[in-house]
Structures are given as C-alpha cells and as structure tokens.
Amino acid sequence: MAAEGRPLSPPEVLQAAQKLVPRIGIATVYRNIKAMVEAGELVAVPLPGDRVYYELADKAVHHHHHFRCNQCEKVFDIHGCDDTFATLLPPGFVLTTHDVTLYGLCAACSAAARVRPGKKR
C-alpha cells in the first residue's frame, strides 16, 4: 500500500499482493485488511455509494480529501483544504467537520480520452 501511495480497494490490494504472492486469494486480503484496521495500521476510506477503500493510518492522521476517477475507479489523496465551508452555512449553523470527495477523470484516463480516435469532445 505504501508503494501505491493512495487509498486502495480490496481488489486493488489483491492485484498488488499477487505480484509478490501469486496464489494469494481475496479472503486472505480481507482478513489481513481487517487485522491491520484493528491494529491501527490502516484506516477505512468510505466513499458515498461506493466500496470502501483503505489507506495507511499515518496518512489519515492529516486532514485531507479524496478524488475518485469515474473511469478506472482509483482513489487519490487531495492535500490541502478550503476552510471557507463555514461561510456556506445558513445563519446560526455551526460547522463541526466536513468530508469532500471529488469525482472526475484522473490524469491517465483524461489523457486516454483525449487521444481515442473517433471520440467527440
């Protein structure tokens, strides 16, 4: 997971793990993810209406948001945060926390979409 440098879904963890241990199965991946979450090494990154992704706990310590590619379904960390959300609230409301997920095309999928022959923009 550290090598990827971004949150991963269990199938992505399986794919990466199979490069090192070809016969590893998805049940083993789920068991290890569960153990690593319980040990405080991984943190769940739930996205609305999507599967749960996981990231290293030391990355989750720092406030950040996520970007999910609509095409390849990879999730990426977005660093930095716009602290103006409180200005969007109706009078009398108090903001205690927030979570932002952006959706679109990652750089690789965006570049592939631009070079596809016959594709209209």
N, C-alpha and C. Protein backbone atom coordinates (compact mmCIF):
# COMPACT_ATOMS: atom_id res chain seq x y z
N MET A 1 0.82 -1.20 0.00
CA MET A 1 0.00 0.00 0.00
C MET A 1 0.86 1.25 0.00
N ALA A 2 1.98 1.18 0.67
CA ALA A 2 2.88 2.34 0.68
C ALA A 2 3.43 2.62 -0.71
N ALA A 3 3.69 1.56 -1.47
CA ALA A 3 4.23 1.74 -2.82
C ALA A 3 3.24 2.43 -3.74
N GLU A 4 1.95 2.16 -3.58
CA GLU A 4 0.94 2.79 -4.42
C GLU A 4 0.74 4.26 -4.05
N GLY A 5 0.86 4.57 -2.76
CA GLY A 5 0.76 5.95 -2.31
C GLY A 5 -0.62 6.56 -2.41
N ARG A 6 -1.66 5.71 -2.40
CA ARG A 6 -3.04 6.20 -2.48
C ARG A 6 -3.95 5.15 -1.84
N PRO A 7 -5.17 5.52 -1.51
CA PRO A 7 -6.10 4.53 -0.97
C PRO A 7 -6.37 3.43 -1.99
N LEU A 8 -6.52 2.20 -1.49
CA LEU A 8 -6.77 1.05 -2.36
C LEU A 8 -8.02 0.30 -1.94
N SER A 9 -8.72 -0.24 -2.91
CA SER A 9 -9.84 -1.13 -2.63
C SER A 9 -9.29 -2.53 -2.40
N PRO A 10 -10.05 -3.42 -1.76
CA PRO A 10 -9.56 -4.79 -1.58
C PRO A 10 -9.15 -5.47 -2.89
N PRO A 11 -9.90 -5.34 -3.99
CA PRO A 11 -9.42 -5.94 -5.24
C PRO A 11 -8.08 -5.36 -5.72
N GLU A 12 -7.84 -4.06 -5.48
CA GLU A 12 -6.56 -3.47 -5.84
C GLU A 12 -5.43 -4.00 -4.96
N VAL A 13 -5.73 -4.22 -3.67
CA VAL A 13 -4.75 -4.82 -2.76
C VAL A 13 -4.43 -6.22 -3.25
N LEU A 14 -5.45 -6.98 -3.63
CA LEU A 14 -5.24 -8.34 -4.14
C LEU A 14 -4.33 -8.32 -5.37
N GLN A 15 -4.61 -7.44 -6.30
CA GLN A 15 -3.82 -7.36 -7.53
C GLN A 15 -2.35 -7.04 -7.21
N ALA A 16 -2.12 -6.11 -6.31
CA ALA A 16 -0.75 -5.76 -5.92
C ALA A 16 -0.08 -6.91 -5.18
N ALA A 17 -0.82 -7.57 -4.29
CA ALA A 17 -0.26 -8.67 -3.50
C ALA A 17 0.08 -9.87 -4.38
N GLN A 18 -0.70 -10.09 -5.42
CA GLN A 18 -0.44 -11.24 -6.29
C GLN A 18 0.87 -11.10 -7.07
N LYS A 19 1.40 -9.90 -7.16
CA LYS A 19 2.71 -9.72 -7.79
C LYS A 19 3.81 -10.33 -6.91
N LEU A 20 3.57 -10.35 -5.61
CA LEU A 20 4.54 -10.92 -4.67
C LEU A 20 4.19 -12.36 -4.30
N VAL A 21 2.90 -12.64 -4.16
CA VAL A 21 2.42 -13.97 -3.78
C VAL A 21 1.31 -14.34 -4.76
N PRO A 22 1.66 -14.94 -5.89
CA PRO A 22 0.70 -15.18 -6.97
C PRO A 22 -0.57 -15.94 -6.57
N ARG A 23 -0.48 -16.82 -5.60
CA ARG A 23 -1.64 -17.65 -5.24
C ARG A 23 -2.50 -17.07 -4.13
N ILE A 24 -2.21 -15.87 -3.68
CA ILE A 24 -2.99 -15.26 -2.60
C ILE A 24 -4.43 -15.03 -3.08
N GLY A 25 -5.37 -15.21 -2.18
CA GLY A 25 -6.78 -15.05 -2.53
C GLY A 25 -7.40 -13.85 -1.86
N ILE A 26 -8.59 -13.49 -2.31
CA ILE A 26 -9.28 -12.31 -1.80
C ILE A 26 -9.65 -12.48 -0.32
N ALA A 27 -9.96 -13.70 0.12
CA ALA A 27 -10.30 -13.91 1.54
C ALA A 27 -9.11 -13.57 2.43
N THR A 28 -7.92 -13.93 2.00
CA THR A 28 -6.71 -13.60 2.76
C THR A 28 -6.50 -12.10 2.81
N VAL A 29 -6.77 -11.42 1.70
CA VAL A 29 -6.65 -9.97 1.66
C VAL A 29 -7.62 -9.33 2.65
N TYR A 30 -8.88 -9.76 2.64
CA TYR A 30 -9.87 -9.20 3.57
C TYR A 30 -9.48 -9.47 5.03
N ARG A 31 -8.99 -10.68 5.33
CA ARG A 31 -8.57 -10.99 6.70
C ARG A 31 -7.43 -10.07 7.14
N ASN A 32 -6.47 -9.87 6.26
CA ASN A 32 -5.33 -9.02 6.60
C ASN A 32 -5.72 -7.55 6.71
N ILE A 33 -6.60 -7.10 5.85
CA ILE A 33 -7.09 -5.71 5.96
C ILE A 33 -7.79 -5.53 7.30
N LYS A 34 -8.64 -6.48 7.66
CA LYS A 34 -9.36 -6.40 8.94
C LYS A 34 -8.37 -6.35 10.10
N ALA A 35 -7.36 -7.21 10.08
CA ALA A 35 -6.36 -7.24 11.15
C ALA A 35 -5.58 -5.93 11.20
N MET A 36 -5.25 -5.39 10.04
CA MET A 36 -4.48 -4.15 10.00
C MET A 36 -5.32 -2.95 10.46
N VAL A 37 -6.62 -2.97 10.19
CA VAL A 37 -7.51 -1.91 10.69
C VAL A 37 -7.59 -2.01 12.21
N GLU A 38 -7.78 -3.23 12.72
CA GLU A 38 -7.87 -3.44 14.17
C GLU A 38 -6.57 -3.06 14.87
N ALA A 39 -5.44 -3.25 14.21
CA ALA A 39 -4.14 -2.89 14.79
C ALA A 39 -3.82 -1.41 14.63
N GLY A 40 -4.68 -0.69 13.94
CA GLY A 40 -4.46 0.75 13.76
C GLY A 40 -3.48 1.09 12.64
N GLU A 41 -3.18 0.13 11.78
CA GLU A 41 -2.24 0.36 10.68
C GLU A 41 -2.93 0.89 9.43
N LEU A 42 -4.20 0.54 9.24
CA LEU A 42 -4.99 1.01 8.10
C LEU A 42 -6.23 1.71 8.60
N VAL A 43 -6.75 2.61 7.76
CA VAL A 43 -7.99 3.33 8.06
C VAL A 43 -8.91 3.19 6.85
N ALA A 44 -10.19 2.96 7.11
CA ALA A 44 -11.16 2.87 6.03
C ALA A 44 -11.43 4.25 5.44
N VAL A 45 -11.59 4.28 4.12
CA VAL A 45 -11.97 5.50 3.40
C VAL A 45 -13.28 5.19 2.69
N PRO A 46 -14.41 5.37 3.39
CA PRO A 46 -15.69 5.08 2.75
C PRO A 46 -16.08 6.22 1.81
N LEU A 47 -16.48 5.88 0.61
CA LEU A 47 -16.97 6.88 -0.33
C LEU A 47 -18.46 6.66 -0.53
N PRO A 48 -19.25 7.72 -0.56
CA PRO A 48 -20.70 7.56 -0.70
C PRO A 48 -21.07 6.74 -1.93
N GLY A 49 -21.87 5.69 -1.72
CA GLY A 49 -22.35 4.87 -2.82
C GLY A 49 -21.30 4.00 -3.48
N ASP A 50 -20.17 3.81 -2.83
CA ASP A 50 -19.07 3.07 -3.43
C ASP A 50 -18.53 2.08 -2.40
N ARG A 51 -17.60 1.24 -2.83
CA ARG A 51 -16.94 0.31 -1.92
C ARG A 51 -16.04 1.09 -0.96
N VAL A 52 -15.56 0.42 0.05
CA VAL A 52 -14.64 1.04 1.00
C VAL A 52 -13.22 0.86 0.49
N TYR A 53 -12.46 1.92 0.54
CA TYR A 53 -11.04 1.89 0.21
C TYR A 53 -10.28 1.98 1.53
N TYR A 54 -9.00 1.68 1.51
CA TYR A 54 -8.19 1.72 2.72
C TYR A 54 -6.91 2.47 2.45
N GLU A 55 -6.46 3.22 3.47
CA GLU A 55 -5.18 3.92 3.35
C GLU A 55 -4.40 3.72 4.64
N LEU A 56 -3.11 3.93 4.53
CA LEU A 56 -2.25 3.80 5.70
C LEU A 56 -2.66 4.81 6.75
N ALA A 57 -2.68 4.38 8.00
CA ALA A 57 -3.15 5.23 9.10
C ALA A 57 -2.31 6.49 9.25
N ASP A 58 -1.02 6.42 8.97
CA ASP A 58 -0.19 7.62 9.13
C ASP A 58 -0.56 8.69 8.12
N LYS A 59 -1.13 8.33 6.99
CA LYS A 59 -1.61 9.34 6.03
C LYS A 59 -2.93 9.93 6.48
N ALA A 60 -3.76 9.11 7.12
CA ALA A 60 -5.08 9.55 7.55
C ALA A 60 -5.03 10.52 8.72
N VAL A 61 -3.90 10.58 9.40
CA VAL A 61 -3.76 11.48 10.54
C VAL A 61 -3.92 12.93 10.10
N HIS A 62 -3.44 13.24 8.91
CA HIS A 62 -3.50 14.61 8.40
C HIS A 62 -4.80 14.79 7.60
N HIS A 63 -5.51 15.87 7.90
CA HIS A 63 -6.79 16.16 7.24
C HIS A 63 -6.57 16.28 5.73
N HIS A 64 -7.32 15.52 4.97
CA HIS A 64 -7.26 15.61 3.51
C HIS A 64 -8.55 15.06 2.93
N HIS A 65 -8.71 15.24 1.64
CA HIS A 65 -9.89 14.77 0.94
C HIS A 65 -9.47 13.79 -0.16
N HIS A 66 -10.45 13.35 -0.94
CA HIS A 66 -10.16 12.33 -1.95
C HIS A 66 -10.79 12.67 -3.30
N PHE A 67 -10.16 12.13 -4.33
CA PHE A 67 -10.65 12.24 -5.71
C PHE A 67 -10.82 10.81 -6.22
N ARG A 68 -11.98 10.51 -6.79
CA ARG A 68 -12.23 9.17 -7.36
C ARG A 68 -12.44 9.31 -8.85
N CYS A 69 -11.67 8.55 -9.62
CA CYS A 69 -11.79 8.57 -11.07
C CYS A 69 -13.04 7.77 -11.46
N ASN A 70 -13.90 8.39 -12.26
CA ASN A 70 -15.13 7.72 -12.70
C ASN A 70 -14.85 6.58 -13.67
N GLN A 71 -13.70 6.59 -14.32
CA GLN A 71 -13.41 5.57 -15.32
C GLN A 71 -12.65 4.38 -14.73
N CYS A 72 -11.48 4.61 -14.16
CA CYS A 72 -10.68 3.50 -13.63
C CYS A 72 -11.02 3.17 -12.17
N GLU A 73 -11.79 4.02 -11.52
CA GLU A 73 -12.25 3.84 -10.14
C GLU A 73 -11.14 3.92 -9.10
N LYS A 74 -9.98 4.43 -9.48
CA LYS A 74 -8.91 4.61 -8.50
C LYS A 74 -9.23 5.85 -7.66
N VAL A 75 -8.76 5.81 -6.42
CA VAL A 75 -8.95 6.92 -5.49
C VAL A 75 -7.59 7.54 -5.19
N PHE A 76 -7.54 8.86 -5.16
CA PHE A 76 -6.30 9.58 -4.92
C PHE A 76 -6.51 10.56 -3.77
N ASP A 77 -5.45 10.81 -3.01
CA ASP A 77 -5.49 11.81 -1.94
C ASP A 77 -5.41 13.20 -2.55
N ILE A 78 -6.16 14.12 -1.95
CA ILE A 78 -6.06 15.53 -2.30
C ILE A 78 -5.61 16.25 -1.05
N HIS A 79 -4.49 16.90 -1.12
CA HIS A 79 -3.95 17.59 0.05
C HIS A 79 -4.36 19.05 0.01
N GLY A 80 -4.49 19.61 1.17
CA GLY A 80 -4.96 20.98 1.27
C GLY A 80 -6.47 20.98 1.43
N CYS A 81 -6.98 22.05 1.94
CA CYS A 81 -8.41 22.13 2.20
C CYS A 81 -8.83 23.59 2.18
N ASP A 82 -9.97 23.83 1.60
CA ASP A 82 -10.54 25.17 1.59
C ASP A 82 -11.34 25.35 2.87
N ASP A 83 -10.90 26.21 3.73
CA ASP A 83 -11.56 26.40 5.03
C ASP A 83 -12.75 27.35 4.97
N THR A 84 -13.30 27.58 3.81
CA THR A 84 -14.42 28.52 3.69
C THR A 84 -15.78 27.83 3.76
N PHE A 85 -15.82 26.54 4.08
CA PHE A 85 -17.10 25.84 4.13
C PHE A 85 -18.08 26.47 5.11
N ALA A 86 -17.59 26.99 6.22
CA ALA A 86 -18.48 27.60 7.22
C ALA A 86 -19.24 28.78 6.63
N THR A 87 -18.68 29.45 5.65
CA THR A 87 -19.37 30.61 5.05
C THR A 87 -20.58 30.18 4.21
N LEU A 88 -20.69 28.90 3.89
CA LEU A 88 -21.81 28.39 3.10
C LEU A 88 -23.03 28.05 3.96
N LEU A 89 -22.85 28.02 5.26
CA LEU A 89 -23.92 27.60 6.17
C LEU A 89 -24.97 28.68 6.37
N PRO A 90 -26.21 28.25 6.59
CA PRO A 90 -27.25 29.22 6.95
C PRO A 90 -26.93 29.86 8.30
N PRO A 91 -27.48 31.03 8.56
CA PRO A 91 -27.23 31.71 9.84
C PRO A 91 -27.58 30.82 11.03
N GLY A 92 -26.71 30.81 12.02
CA GLY A 92 -26.93 30.03 13.23
C GLY A 92 -26.39 28.62 13.19
N PHE A 93 -26.01 28.15 12.03
CA PHE A 93 -25.46 26.80 11.92
C PHE A 93 -23.98 26.84 12.32
N VAL A 94 -23.50 25.73 12.90
CA VAL A 94 -22.11 25.63 13.31
C VAL A 94 -21.49 24.40 12.63
N LEU A 95 -20.42 24.59 11.91
CA LEU A 95 -19.73 23.50 11.24
C LEU A 95 -18.79 22.81 12.23
N THR A 96 -18.92 21.50 12.35
CA THR A 96 -18.03 20.77 13.26
C THR A 96 -17.03 19.91 12.50
N THR A 97 -17.39 19.45 11.31
CA THR A 97 -16.48 18.66 10.50
C THR A 97 -17.00 18.63 9.07
N HIS A 98 -16.20 18.14 8.17
CA HIS A 98 -16.64 18.00 6.78
C HIS A 98 -15.83 16.92 6.09
N ASP A 99 -16.38 16.44 5.00
CA ASP A 99 -15.70 15.44 4.18
C ASP A 99 -16.06 15.76 2.73
N VAL A 100 -15.05 15.86 1.89
CA VAL A 100 -15.27 16.21 0.49
C VAL A 100 -14.66 15.12 -0.39
N THR A 101 -15.43 14.65 -1.34
CA THR A 101 -14.92 13.72 -2.35
C THR A 101 -15.19 14.34 -3.71
N LEU A 102 -14.15 14.45 -4.50
CA LEU A 102 -14.27 14.98 -5.86
C LEU A 102 -14.31 13.80 -6.83
N TYR A 103 -15.04 13.95 -7.91
CA TYR A 103 -15.18 12.89 -8.91
C TYR A 103 -14.86 13.45 -10.29
N GLY A 104 -14.27 12.64 -11.14
CA GLY A 104 -13.95 13.06 -12.50
C GLY A 104 -13.04 12.03 -13.14
N LEU A 105 -12.12 12.50 -13.98
CA LEU A 105 -11.16 11.62 -14.63
C LEU A 105 -9.77 11.91 -14.11
N CYS A 106 -9.03 10.86 -13.75
CA CYS A 106 -7.64 11.04 -13.33
C CYS A 106 -6.81 11.43 -14.55
N ALA A 107 -5.56 11.79 -14.34
CA ALA A 107 -4.71 12.24 -15.44
C ALA A 107 -4.57 11.18 -16.53
N ALA A 108 -4.38 9.93 -16.14
CA ALA A 108 -4.21 8.85 -17.13
C ALA A 108 -5.47 8.63 -17.95
N CYS A 109 -6.62 8.60 -17.30
CA CYS A 109 -7.88 8.38 -18.02
C CYS A 109 -8.25 9.59 -18.87
N SER A 110 -7.96 10.78 -18.37
CA SER A 110 -8.22 12.01 -19.11
C SER A 110 -7.38 12.05 -20.38
N ALA A 111 -6.10 11.68 -20.27
CA ALA A 111 -5.21 11.67 -21.43
C ALA A 111 -5.67 10.62 -22.43
N ALA A 112 -6.08 9.45 -21.96
CA ALA A 112 -6.54 8.39 -22.86
C ALA A 112 -7.81 8.81 -23.59
N ALA A 113 -8.69 9.54 -22.92
CA ALA A 113 -9.93 10.00 -23.54
C ALA A 113 -9.65 11.01 -24.65
N ARG A 114 -8.61 11.81 -24.49
CA ARG A 114 -8.27 12.83 -25.50
C ARG A 114 -7.67 12.23 -26.76
N VAL A 115 -7.00 11.09 -26.64
CA VAL A 115 -6.31 10.52 -27.80
C VAL A 115 -7.11 9.39 -28.47
N ARG A 116 -8.26 9.04 -27.95
CA ARG A 116 -9.06 7.98 -28.56
C ARG A 116 -9.53 8.42 -29.95
N PRO A 117 -9.23 7.66 -30.99
CA PRO A 117 -9.69 8.04 -32.32
C PRO A 117 -11.20 7.97 -32.43
N GLY A 118 -11.77 8.93 -33.13
CA GLY A 118 -13.20 8.95 -33.37
C GLY A 118 -14.02 9.44 -32.21
N LYS A 119 -13.42 9.80 -31.12
CA LYS A 119 -14.13 10.28 -29.93
C LYS A 119 -14.41 11.77 -30.07
N LYS A 120 -15.67 12.16 -29.93
CA LYS A 120 -16.02 13.58 -30.00
C LYS A 120 -15.82 14.21 -28.64
N ARG A 121 -15.38 15.45 -28.65
CA ARG A 121 -15.20 16.19 -27.39
C ARG A 121 -16.37 17.06 -27.10
